[in-house]
Amino acid sequence: MPPEAVQSLLVLAIGFAFAGSLASGYQLITAQPPSFLILGDGAQARAVASVLFLTFAAPFIIMRNTIRGQRIEKRNAVFVMVATMIAGFWSLMSGTVVLMALEAIGLLHA
């Protein structure tokens, strides 16, 4: 496997891990699972914080909703595949941002 592919897989895993950590932390603090509905409840400062949170937690939320939808509503495999690809791409991008932030603050060396 080429080094670029290994790096992409690691970035993807970091993105999913970060999303899962954020979502689990949110659920620990609020005692309810995170969802995209948190955007519409609250003042403008809370809405900005919600956007920032959802930017990085979205891959976890998408996959959780997809798995639940497939089990409960018996969604077809094409829907599950498309949702997984969207969550994977989103995770790859957010994982890249997380790694860039770690490099910028000096916790990771390229």
C-alpha atoms as a PDB file:
ATOM      1  CA  MET A   1       0.000   0.000   0.000  1.00  0.00           C
ATOM      2  CA  PRO A   2       1.452   3.396  -0.933  1.00  0.00           C
ATOM      3  CA  PRO A   3       2.370   5.742   1.932  1.00  0.00           C
ATOM      4  CA  GLU A   4      -0.222   8.296   0.760  1.00  0.00           C
ATOM      5  CA  ALA A   5      -2.997   5.710   1.127  1.00  0.00           C
ATOM      6  CA  VAL A   6      -1.838   4.799   4.636  1.00  0.00           C
ATOM      7  CA  GLN A   7      -1.734   8.484   5.552  1.00  0.00           C
ATOM      8  CA  SER A   8      -5.259   8.995   4.211  1.00  0.00           C
ATOM      9  CA  LEU A   9      -6.557   6.027   6.219  1.00  0.00           C
ATOM     10  CA  LEU A  10      -4.950   7.396   9.383  1.00  0.00           C
ATOM     11  CA  VAL A  11      -6.425  10.851   8.780  1.00  0.00           C
ATOM     12  CA  LEU A  12      -9.825   9.236   8.181  1.00  0.00           C
ATOM     13  CA  ALA A  13      -9.523   7.309  11.451  1.00  0.00           C
ATOM     14  CA  ILE A  14      -8.467  10.443  13.331  1.00  0.00           C
ATOM     15  CA  GLY A  15     -11.483  12.296  11.932  1.00  0.00           C
ATOM     16  CA  PHE A  16     -13.887   9.561  13.025  1.00  0.00           C
ATOM     17  CA  ALA A  17     -12.218   9.252  16.427  1.00  0.00           C
ATOM     18  CA  PHE A  18     -12.422  12.992  17.012  1.00  0.00           C
ATOM     19  CA  ALA A  19     -16.079  13.029  15.925  1.00  0.00           C
ATOM     20  CA  GLY A  20     -16.881  10.152  18.264  1.00  0.00           C
ATOM     21  CA  SER A  21     -15.055  11.810  21.141  1.00  0.00           C
ATOM     22  CA  LEU A  22     -16.955  15.057  20.658  1.00  0.00           C
ATOM     23  CA  ALA A  23     -20.303  13.283  20.400  1.00  0.00           C
ATOM     24  CA  SER A  24     -19.605  11.149  23.466  1.00  0.00           C
ATOM     25  CA  GLY A  25     -18.512  14.202  25.444  1.00  0.00           C
ATOM     26  CA  TYR A  26     -21.666  16.030  24.419  1.00  0.00           C
ATOM     27  CA  GLN A  27     -23.808  13.085  25.486  1.00  0.00           C
ATOM     28  CA  LEU A  28     -21.951  12.837  28.791  1.00  0.00           C
ATOM     29  CA  ILE A  29     -22.569  16.511  29.566  1.00  0.00           C
ATOM     30  CA  THR A  30     -26.155  16.835  28.313  1.00  0.00           C
ATOM     31  CA  ALA A  31     -27.442  13.264  28.873  1.00  0.00           C
ATOM     32  CA  GLN A  32     -28.876  13.216  25.346  1.00  0.00           C
ATOM     33  CA  PRO A  33     -27.319  12.190  22.048  1.00  0.00           C
ATOM     34  CA  PRO A  34     -26.177  14.959  19.715  1.00  0.00           C
ATOM     35  CA  SER A  35     -28.218  15.654  16.612  1.00  0.00           C
ATOM     36  CA  PHE A  36     -28.474  18.238  13.875  1.00  0.00           C
ATOM     37  CA  LEU A  37     -31.514  19.677  15.666  1.00  0.00           C
ATOM     38  CA  ILE A  38     -29.288  21.554  18.137  1.00  0.00           C
ATOM     39  CA  LEU A  39     -28.801  24.228  15.478  1.00  0.00           C
ATOM     40  CA  GLY A  40     -32.264  25.675  15.958  1.00  0.00           C
ATOM     41  CA  ASP A  41     -32.490  25.979  19.731  1.00  0.00           C
ATOM     42  CA  GLY A  42     -30.880  28.968  21.362  1.00  0.00           C
ATOM     43  CA  ALA A  43     -29.300  32.352  20.984  1.00  0.00           C
ATOM     44  CA  GLN A  44     -26.850  33.377  18.289  1.00  0.00           C
ATOM     45  CA  ALA A  45     -23.759  32.515  20.361  1.00  0.00           C
ATOM     46  CA  ARG A  46     -25.136  29.055  20.992  1.00  0.00           C
ATOM     47  CA  ALA A  47     -25.889  28.651  17.285  1.00  0.00           C
ATOM     48  CA  VAL A  48     -22.281  29.507  16.398  1.00  0.00           C
ATOM     49  CA  ALA A  49     -21.001  27.002  18.957  1.00  0.00           C
ATOM     50  CA  SER A  50     -23.422  24.415  17.553  1.00  0.00           C
ATOM     51  CA  VAL A  51     -22.092  24.934  14.034  1.00  0.00           C
ATOM     52  CA  LEU A  52     -18.513  24.512  15.224  1.00  0.00           C
ATOM     53  CA  PHE A  53     -19.458  21.396  17.183  1.00  0.00           C
ATOM     54  CA  LEU A  54     -21.433  19.863  14.314  1.00  0.00           C
ATOM     55  CA  THR A  55     -18.646  20.588  11.848  1.00  0.00           C
ATOM     56  CA  PHE A  56     -16.477  18.029  13.603  1.00  0.00           C
ATOM     57  CA  ALA A  57     -19.098  15.700  15.148  1.00  0.00           C
ATOM     58  CA  ALA A  58     -21.158  15.266  11.967  1.00  0.00           C
ATOM     59  CA  PRO A  59     -19.482  12.050  10.706  1.00  0.00           C
ATOM     60  CA  PHE A  60     -20.421  10.270  13.941  1.00  0.00           C
ATOM     61  CA  ILE A  61     -23.987  11.614  13.862  1.00  0.00           C
ATOM     62  CA  ILE A  62     -24.425  10.663  10.202  1.00  0.00           C
ATOM     63  CA  MET A  63     -23.202   7.115  10.782  1.00  0.00           C
ATOM     64  CA  ARG A  64     -25.251   6.676  13.963  1.00  0.00           C
ATOM     65  CA  ASN A  65     -28.398   7.854  12.171  1.00  0.00           C
ATOM     66  CA  THR A  66     -27.610   5.662   9.154  1.00  0.00           C
ATOM     67  CA  ILE A  67     -27.112   2.516  11.213  1.00  0.00           C
ATOM     68  CA  ARG A  68     -30.249   3.177  13.257  1.00  0.00           C
ATOM     69  CA  GLY A  69     -32.233   3.933  10.100  1.00  0.00           C
ATOM     70  CA  GLN A  70     -31.051   0.743   8.453  1.00  0.00           C
ATOM     71  CA  ARG A  71     -32.023  -1.359  11.483  1.00  0.00           C
ATOM     72  CA  ILE A  72     -35.328   0.326  12.275  1.00  0.00           C
ATOM     73  CA  GLU A  73     -36.601   1.498   8.873  1.00  0.00           C
ATOM     74  CA  LYS A  74     -34.878  -1.211   6.781  1.00  0.00           C
ATOM     75  CA  ARG A  75     -33.258   1.350   4.463  1.00  0.00           C
ATOM     76  CA  ASN A  76     -31.717  -0.078   1.323  1.00  0.00           C
ATOM     77  CA  ALA A  77     -28.008  -0.701   0.874  1.00  0.00           C
ATOM     78  CA  VAL A  78     -27.527   2.139  -1.630  1.00  0.00           C
ATOM     79  CA  PHE A  79     -28.697   4.705   0.917  1.00  0.00           C
ATOM     80  CA  VAL A  80     -26.379   3.256   3.551  1.00  0.00           C
ATOM     81  CA  MET A  81     -23.461   3.250   1.113  1.00  0.00           C
ATOM     82  CA  VAL A  82     -23.992   6.879   0.085  1.00  0.00           C
ATOM     83  CA  ALA A  83     -24.333   8.020   3.697  1.00  0.00           C
ATOM     84  CA  THR A  84     -21.156   6.125   4.604  1.00  0.00           C
ATOM     85  CA  MET A  85     -19.264   7.771   1.741  1.00  0.00           C
ATOM     86  CA  ILE A  86     -20.471  11.221   2.830  1.00  0.00           C
ATOM     87  CA  ALA A  87     -19.495  10.569   6.447  1.00  0.00           C
ATOM     88  CA  GLY A  88     -16.135   9.172   5.353  1.00  0.00           C
ATOM     89  CA  PHE A  89     -15.304  12.150   3.175  1.00  0.00           C
ATOM     90  CA  TRP A  90     -16.432  14.531   5.918  1.00  0.00           C
ATOM     91  CA  SER A  91     -14.292  12.641   8.410  1.00  0.00           C
ATOM     92  CA  LEU A  92     -11.294  12.817   6.079  1.00  0.00           C
ATOM     93  CA  MET A  93     -11.653  16.592   5.814  1.00  0.00           C
ATOM     94  CA  SER A  94     -12.201  17.167   9.533  1.00  0.00           C
ATOM     95  CA  GLY A  95      -9.318  14.825  10.366  1.00  0.00           C
ATOM     96  CA  THR A  96      -7.100  16.918   8.102  1.00  0.00           C
ATOM     97  CA  VAL A  97      -8.147  20.073   9.946  1.00  0.00           C
ATOM     98  CA  VAL A  98      -7.481  18.423  13.324  1.00  0.00           C
ATOM     99  CA  LEU A  99      -3.994  17.360  12.233  1.00  0.00           C
ATOM    100  CA  MET A 100      -3.257  20.822  10.821  1.00  0.00           C
ATOM    101  CA  ALA A 101      -4.357  22.380  14.117  1.00  0.00           C
ATOM    102  CA  LEU A 102      -2.118  20.008  16.088  1.00  0.00           C
ATOM    103  CA  GLU A 103       0.810  20.922  13.833  1.00  0.00           C
ATOM    104  CA  ALA A 104       0.060  24.638  14.189  1.00  0.00           C
ATOM    105  CA  ILE A 105       0.151  24.549  17.979  1.00  0.00           C
ATOM    106  CA  GLY A 106       3.279  22.416  18.010  1.00  0.00           C
ATOM    107  CA  LEU A 107       1.890  19.139  19.369  1.00  0.00           C
ATOM    108  CA  LEU A 108       2.625  17.279  16.144  1.00  0.00           C
ATOM    109  CA  HIS A 109       5.614  17.512  13.839  1.00  0.00           C
ATOM    110  CA  ALA A 110       5.247  16.840  10.146  1.00  0.00           C
END
